[in-house]
Amino acid sequence: GTEMCIPGDNTEMVVELIHPIAMEDGLRFAIREGGRTVGAGRVTKILK
């Protein structure tokens, strides 16, 4: 099924990036789709 988040919800996700990029715990990021910001978050753990 499809899961949705609404403004104010907190969620946890695992993301695999297409291109390598330097990251560290605590880094803030934005998720963008079609030129619009659809989400934002903070890196809490680097897996590899």
N, C-alpha and C. Protein backbone atom coordinates (compact mmCIF):
# COMPACT_ATOMS: atom_id res chain seq x y z
N GLY A 1 0.82 -1.18 0.00
CA GLY A 1 0.00 0.00 0.00
C GLY A 1 0.86 1.25 0.00
N THR A 2 0.24 2.36 -0.23
CA THR A 2 0.91 3.66 -0.23
C THR A 2 0.75 4.31 1.13
N GLU A 3 1.83 4.82 1.65
CA GLU A 3 1.80 5.50 2.94
C GLU A 3 2.04 6.98 2.71
N MET A 4 1.29 7.81 3.39
CA MET A 4 1.43 9.26 3.24
C MET A 4 1.71 9.91 4.57
N CYS A 5 2.40 11.03 4.50
CA CYS A 5 2.64 11.87 5.67
C CYS A 5 1.93 13.19 5.44
N ILE A 6 1.43 13.77 6.50
CA ILE A 6 0.82 15.09 6.39
C ILE A 6 1.67 16.07 7.20
N PRO A 7 1.55 17.37 6.93
CA PRO A 7 2.37 18.34 7.66
C PRO A 7 2.26 18.13 9.17
N GLY A 8 3.42 18.12 9.82
CA GLY A 8 3.48 17.92 11.26
C GLY A 8 3.81 16.50 11.66
N ASP A 9 3.67 15.54 10.72
CA ASP A 9 4.02 14.15 11.00
C ASP A 9 5.53 13.98 11.07
N ASN A 10 5.98 13.03 11.86
CA ASN A 10 7.38 12.62 11.89
C ASN A 10 7.45 11.21 11.33
N THR A 11 8.49 10.93 10.56
CA THR A 11 8.65 9.60 9.99
C THR A 11 10.13 9.25 9.93
N GLU A 12 10.42 7.99 9.81
CA GLU A 12 11.79 7.51 9.68
C GLU A 12 11.90 6.81 8.34
N MET A 13 13.00 7.07 7.62
CA MET A 13 13.17 6.43 6.32
C MET A 13 14.64 6.13 6.07
N VAL A 14 14.86 5.14 5.22
CA VAL A 14 16.19 4.80 4.74
C VAL A 14 16.23 5.23 3.28
N VAL A 15 17.26 5.99 2.91
CA VAL A 15 17.36 6.55 1.56
C VAL A 15 18.67 6.12 0.93
N GLU A 16 18.62 5.69 -0.32
CA GLU A 16 19.83 5.39 -1.09
C GLU A 16 19.98 6.46 -2.16
N LEU A 17 21.10 7.17 -2.14
CA LEU A 17 21.32 8.27 -3.07
C LEU A 17 21.81 7.76 -4.43
N ILE A 18 21.45 8.47 -5.48
CA ILE A 18 21.88 8.11 -6.84
C ILE A 18 23.35 8.44 -7.02
N HIS A 19 23.77 9.60 -6.52
CA HIS A 19 25.16 10.05 -6.64
C HIS A 19 25.76 10.18 -5.25
N PRO A 20 27.05 9.85 -5.11
CA PRO A 20 27.68 10.00 -3.79
C PRO A 20 27.77 11.47 -3.39
N ILE A 21 27.59 11.73 -2.12
CA ILE A 21 27.68 13.10 -1.60
C ILE A 21 28.19 13.02 -0.16
N ALA A 22 29.01 13.98 0.23
CA ALA A 22 29.53 14.01 1.61
C ALA A 22 28.40 14.37 2.56
N MET A 23 28.22 13.53 3.60
CA MET A 23 27.18 13.77 4.60
C MET A 23 27.73 13.44 5.97
N GLU A 24 27.12 14.00 6.99
CA GLU A 24 27.47 13.65 8.37
C GLU A 24 26.21 13.73 9.21
N ASP A 25 26.24 13.08 10.37
CA ASP A 25 25.10 13.12 11.28
C ASP A 25 24.75 14.56 11.61
N GLY A 26 23.47 14.86 11.67
CA GLY A 26 23.01 16.21 12.00
C GLY A 26 22.76 17.09 10.79
N LEU A 27 23.20 16.65 9.60
CA LEU A 27 23.01 17.45 8.38
C LEU A 27 21.53 17.61 8.08
N ARG A 28 21.10 18.83 7.84
CA ARG A 28 19.70 19.08 7.45
C ARG A 28 19.60 19.00 5.93
N PHE A 29 18.46 18.50 5.44
CA PHE A 29 18.27 18.34 4.00
C PHE A 29 16.83 18.65 3.62
N ALA A 30 16.61 18.86 2.33
CA ALA A 30 15.27 19.07 1.79
C ALA A 30 15.02 18.02 0.72
N ILE A 31 13.79 17.57 0.62
CA ILE A 31 13.36 16.64 -0.43
C ILE A 31 12.54 17.47 -1.40
N ARG A 32 12.98 17.48 -2.66
CA ARG A 32 12.31 18.31 -3.66
C ARG A 32 11.76 17.46 -4.78
N GLU A 33 10.62 17.88 -5.32
CA GLU A 33 9.99 17.19 -6.44
C GLU A 33 9.40 18.25 -7.36
N GLY A 34 9.82 18.22 -8.60
CA GLY A 34 9.31 19.18 -9.57
C GLY A 34 9.54 20.63 -9.18
N GLY A 35 10.68 20.92 -8.54
CA GLY A 35 11.01 22.28 -8.17
C GLY A 35 10.36 22.77 -6.88
N ARG A 36 9.59 21.89 -6.21
CA ARG A 36 8.93 22.26 -4.96
C ARG A 36 9.49 21.43 -3.82
N THR A 37 9.63 22.04 -2.66
CA THR A 37 10.06 21.30 -1.47
C THR A 37 8.86 20.54 -0.93
N VAL A 38 8.99 19.21 -0.86
CA VAL A 38 7.89 18.38 -0.37
C VAL A 38 8.21 17.75 0.98
N GLY A 39 9.44 17.96 1.45
CA GLY A 39 9.81 17.42 2.76
C GLY A 39 11.15 17.98 3.19
N ALA A 40 11.44 17.84 4.46
CA ALA A 40 12.71 18.28 5.01
C ALA A 40 13.04 17.40 6.20
N GLY A 41 14.33 17.31 6.51
CA GLY A 41 14.70 16.45 7.63
C GLY A 41 16.12 16.65 8.07
N ARG A 42 16.59 15.71 8.88
CA ARG A 42 17.94 15.75 9.44
C ARG A 42 18.50 14.35 9.42
N VAL A 43 19.76 14.21 9.00
CA VAL A 43 20.44 12.91 9.00
C VAL A 43 20.71 12.52 10.45
N THR A 44 20.27 11.32 10.84
CA THR A 44 20.49 10.86 12.21
C THR A 44 21.50 9.73 12.29
N LYS A 45 21.73 9.04 11.17
CA LYS A 45 22.66 7.91 11.19
C LYS A 45 23.13 7.61 9.77
N ILE A 46 24.44 7.43 9.60
CA ILE A 46 25.02 7.03 8.32
C ILE A 46 25.20 5.52 8.36
N LEU A 47 24.61 4.80 7.41
CA LEU A 47 24.69 3.34 7.42
C LEU A 47 25.96 2.81 6.79
N LYS A 48 26.44 3.43 5.70
CA LYS A 48 27.71 2.98 5.10
C LYS A 48 28.32 4.09 4.29
